[in-house]
Amino acid sequence: CAELWRERLLATLRPELTLLVGTYAQAWHLGKRAKASMTDTVAAWRDYLPAYLPLPHPSWRNTAWLKRNPWFEVEIVPYLQARTADILAS
């Protein structure tokens, strides 16, 4: 489906920020720019701004991932909150 409508839809919507949720979305959008693992890609989140923000998939299964990667809640969550507020305000 994406081959038929994706480009036209994005051209119409012109999103300010695309959340790349999980490995598949990151691979699709970033291609060779994605790192070797989802964790590495999310850790390099600043490399993909301002268009993309890679995130882990929200799942009860990622609780352990969040505990192993406390930088996510310290760095990325506040950025996402502020960026979302900026987008909504504009």
Protein backbone atom coordinates (compact mmCIF):
# COMPACT_ATOMS: atom_id res chain seq x y z
CA CYS A 1 0.00 0.00 0.00
CA ALA A 2 2.73 2.46 0.90
CA GLU A 3 4.08 2.49 -2.64
CA LEU A 4 0.72 3.75 -3.92
CA TRP A 5 -0.16 6.49 -1.43
CA ARG A 6 2.64 7.24 1.01
CA GLU A 7 4.55 9.89 -0.98
CA ARG A 8 1.37 11.80 -1.89
CA LEU A 9 0.05 11.66 1.65
CA LEU A 10 3.27 12.95 3.18
CA ALA A 11 3.51 15.69 0.55
CA THR A 12 0.02 16.80 1.50
CA LEU A 13 0.45 16.53 5.27
CA ARG A 14 4.05 17.81 5.44
CA PRO A 15 4.64 16.52 8.99
CA GLU A 16 7.03 18.48 11.15
CA LEU A 17 8.11 15.38 13.04
CA THR A 18 7.72 11.70 12.28
CA LEU A 19 7.97 9.27 15.19
CA LEU A 20 9.76 6.11 14.12
CA VAL A 21 8.31 3.61 16.56
CA GLY A 22 10.23 0.35 16.62
CA THR A 23 12.80 -1.35 14.45
CA TYR A 24 10.65 -1.79 11.35
CA ALA A 25 9.65 1.88 11.15
CA GLN A 26 13.24 2.94 11.73
CA ALA A 27 14.54 0.64 9.00
CA TRP A 28 11.82 1.81 6.58
CA HIS A 29 12.46 5.52 7.04
CA LEU A 30 16.17 5.60 7.79
CA GLY A 31 17.42 2.82 5.55
CA LYS A 32 21.20 2.63 5.78
CA ARG A 33 21.23 5.52 8.24
CA ALA A 34 19.73 3.22 10.90
CA LYS A 35 22.25 1.81 13.33
CA ALA A 36 22.95 -1.88 13.94
CA SER A 37 20.28 -2.15 16.63
CA MET A 38 17.13 -0.36 17.68
CA THR A 39 18.86 0.75 20.89
CA ASP A 40 21.76 2.24 18.94
CA THR A 41 19.35 4.03 16.60
CA VAL A 42 17.32 5.46 19.47
CA ALA A 43 20.53 6.48 21.28
CA ALA A 44 21.58 8.42 18.17
CA TRP A 45 18.21 10.24 18.07
CA ARG A 46 19.77 13.67 17.58
CA ASP A 47 21.27 12.50 14.27
CA TYR A 48 17.79 12.19 12.76
CA LEU A 49 16.28 15.50 13.86
CA PRO A 50 14.40 17.58 12.95
CA ALA A 51 12.41 15.27 10.66
CA TYR A 52 12.54 11.98 12.57
CA LEU A 53 12.59 10.79 16.17
CA PRO A 54 13.30 7.07 16.63
CA LEU A 55 11.57 5.49 19.61
CA PRO A 56 11.30 1.99 21.06
CA HIS A 57 8.04 0.19 20.46
CA PRO A 58 5.62 0.89 23.33
CA SER A 59 4.95 -2.47 24.86
CA TRP A 60 4.79 -4.05 28.27
CA ARG A 61 7.79 -6.05 27.04
CA ASN A 62 10.03 -2.99 26.86
CA THR A 63 9.97 -2.39 30.62
CA ALA A 64 13.36 -4.11 30.92
CA TRP A 65 14.68 -2.03 28.01
CA LEU A 66 13.62 1.17 29.78
CA LYS A 67 15.38 0.06 32.96
CA ARG A 68 18.58 -0.70 31.00
CA ASN A 69 18.41 2.62 29.18
CA PRO A 70 17.48 5.33 31.71
CA TRP A 71 18.80 8.01 29.32
CA PHE A 72 15.62 7.52 27.27
CA GLU A 73 13.36 9.00 29.96
CA VAL A 74 15.92 11.64 30.93
CA GLU A 75 16.77 12.89 27.42
CA ILE A 76 14.19 11.85 24.87
CA VAL A 77 10.89 12.04 26.75
CA PRO A 78 11.38 15.71 27.77
CA TYR A 79 12.50 16.56 24.22
CA LEU A 80 9.42 14.86 22.78
CA GLN A 81 7.12 16.66 25.22
CA ALA A 82 8.62 20.05 24.41
CA ARG A 83 8.69 19.42 20.66
CA THR A 84 5.08 18.25 20.66
CA ALA A 85 4.03 21.36 22.58
CA ASP A 86 5.87 23.54 20.04
CA ILE A 87 4.19 21.81 17.11
CA LEU A 88 0.74 22.11 18.69
CA ALA A 89 1.32 25.79 19.47
CA SER A 90 2.25 26.65 15.88
